[in-house]
PDB file of N, CA and C in Angstrom:
ATOM      1  N   MET A   1     103.723 114.195 129.921  1.00  0.00           N
ATOM      2  CA  MET A   1     102.939 113.057 129.409  1.00  0.00           C
ATOM      3  C   MET A   1     101.857 113.577 128.460  1.00  0.00           C
ATOM      4  N   ALA A   2     101.146 114.609 128.908  1.00  0.00           N
ATOM      5  CA  ALA A   2     100.053 115.165 128.079  1.00  0.00           C
ATOM      6  C   ALA A   2     100.607 115.617 126.736  1.00  0.00           C
ATOM      7  N   ALA A   3     101.740 116.308 126.778  1.00  0.00           N
ATOM      8  CA  ALA A   3     102.334 116.809 125.523  1.00  0.00           C
ATOM      9  C   ALA A   3     102.650 115.632 124.606  1.00  0.00           C
ATOM     10  N   HIS A   4     103.198 114.570 125.176  1.00  0.00           N
ATOM     11  CA  HIS A   4     103.552 113.390 124.381  1.00  0.00           C
ATOM     12  C   HIS A   4     102.305 112.807 123.718  1.00  0.00           C
ATOM     13  N   CYS A   5     101.232 112.762 124.496  1.00  0.00           N
ATOM     14  CA  CYS A   5      99.973 112.204 123.965  1.00  0.00           C
ATOM     15  C   CYS A   5      99.531 112.996 122.738  1.00  0.00           C
ATOM     16  N   GLN A   6      99.617 114.318 122.829  1.00  0.00           N
ATOM     17  CA  GLN A   6      99.204 115.176 121.713  1.00  0.00           C
ATOM     18  C   GLN A   6     100.123 114.933 120.520  1.00  0.00           C
ATOM     19  N   VAL A   7     101.409 114.858 120.753  1.00  0.00           N
ATOM     20  CA  VAL A   7     102.382 114.645 119.670  1.00  0.00           C
ATOM     21  C   VAL A   7     102.116 113.304 118.992  1.00  0.00           C
ATOM     22  N   THR A   8     101.679 112.318 119.777  1.00  0.00           N
ATOM     23  CA  THR A   8     101.427 110.988 119.213  1.00  0.00           C
ATOM     24  C   THR A   8     100.477 111.087 118.030  1.00  0.00           C
ATOM     25  N   GLY A   9      99.494 111.975 118.122  1.00  0.00           N
ATOM     26  CA  GLY A   9      98.544 112.111 117.009  1.00  0.00           C
ATOM     27  C   GLY A   9      97.174 112.512 117.529  1.00  0.00           C
ATOM     28  N   ALA A  10      97.060 112.711 118.848  1.00  0.00           N
ATOM     29  CA  ALA A  10      95.770 113.105 119.416  1.00  0.00           C
ATOM     30  C   ALA A  10      95.310 114.395 118.745  1.00  0.00           C
ATOM     31  N   GLU A  11      96.233 115.352 118.614  1.00  0.00           N
ATOM     32  CA  GLU A  11      95.888 116.649 117.992  1.00  0.00           C
ATOM     33  C   GLU A  11      97.067 117.111 117.139  1.00  0.00           C
ATOM     34  N   PRO A  12      97.094 116.695 115.878  1.00  0.00           N
ATOM     35  CA  PRO A  12      98.190 117.046 114.963  1.00  0.00           C
ATOM     36  C   PRO A  12      98.491 118.546 114.954  1.00  0.00           C
ATOM     37  N   GLY A  13      97.467 119.358 114.804  1.00  0.00           N
ATOM     38  CA  GLY A  13      97.668 120.807 114.770  1.00  0.00           C
ATOM     39  C   GLY A  13      98.272 121.308 116.075  1.00  0.00           C
ATOM     40  N   PHE A  14      97.639 120.991 117.181  1.00  0.00           N
ATOM     41  CA  PHE A  14      98.099 121.467 118.484  1.00  0.00           C
ATOM     42  C   PHE A  14      99.450 120.844 118.835  1.00  0.00           C
ATOM     43  N   GLY A  15      99.537 119.529 118.676  1.00  0.00           N
ATOM     44  CA  GLY A  15     100.784 118.826 118.991  1.00  0.00           C
ATOM     45  C   GLY A  15     101.946 119.383 118.193  1.00  0.00           C
ATOM     46  N   HIS A  16     101.735 119.541 116.890  1.00  0.00           N
ATOM     47  CA  HIS A  16     102.821 120.050 116.035  1.00  0.00           C
ATOM     48  C   HIS A  16     103.243 121.445 116.483  1.00  0.00           C
ATOM     49  N   SER A  17     102.245 122.267 116.801  1.00  0.00           N
ATOM     50  CA  SER A  17     102.530 123.653 117.210  1.00  0.00           C
ATOM     51  C   SER A  17     103.413 123.640 118.460  1.00  0.00           C
ATOM     52  N   ILE A  18     103.064 122.809 119.428  1.00  0.00           N
ATOM     53  CA  ILE A  18     103.816 122.761 120.687  1.00  0.00           C
ATOM     54  C   ILE A  18     105.213 122.189 120.427  1.00  0.00           C
ATOM     55  N   SER A  19     105.269 121.142 119.622  1.00  0.00           N
ATOM     56  CA  SER A  19     106.551 120.504 119.323  1.00  0.00           C
ATOM     57  C   SER A  19     107.481 121.499 118.633  1.00  0.00           C
ATOM     58  N   HIS A  20     106.917 122.236 117.701  1.00  0.00           N
ATOM     59  CA  HIS A  20     107.724 123.212 116.952  1.00  0.00           C
ATOM     60  C   HIS A  20     108.172 124.339 117.867  1.00  0.00           C
ATOM     61  N   SER A  21     107.252 124.760 118.731  1.00  0.00           N
ATOM     62  CA  SER A  21     107.549 125.858 119.652  1.00  0.00           C
ATOM     63  C   SER A  21     108.637 125.385 120.620  1.00  0.00           C
TER      64      SER A  21
END
């Protein structure tokens, strides 16, 4: 859930990094 929240746009840099990883 937390990861999804970040991907939504909470933290573009962090979310993108995790999504890409």
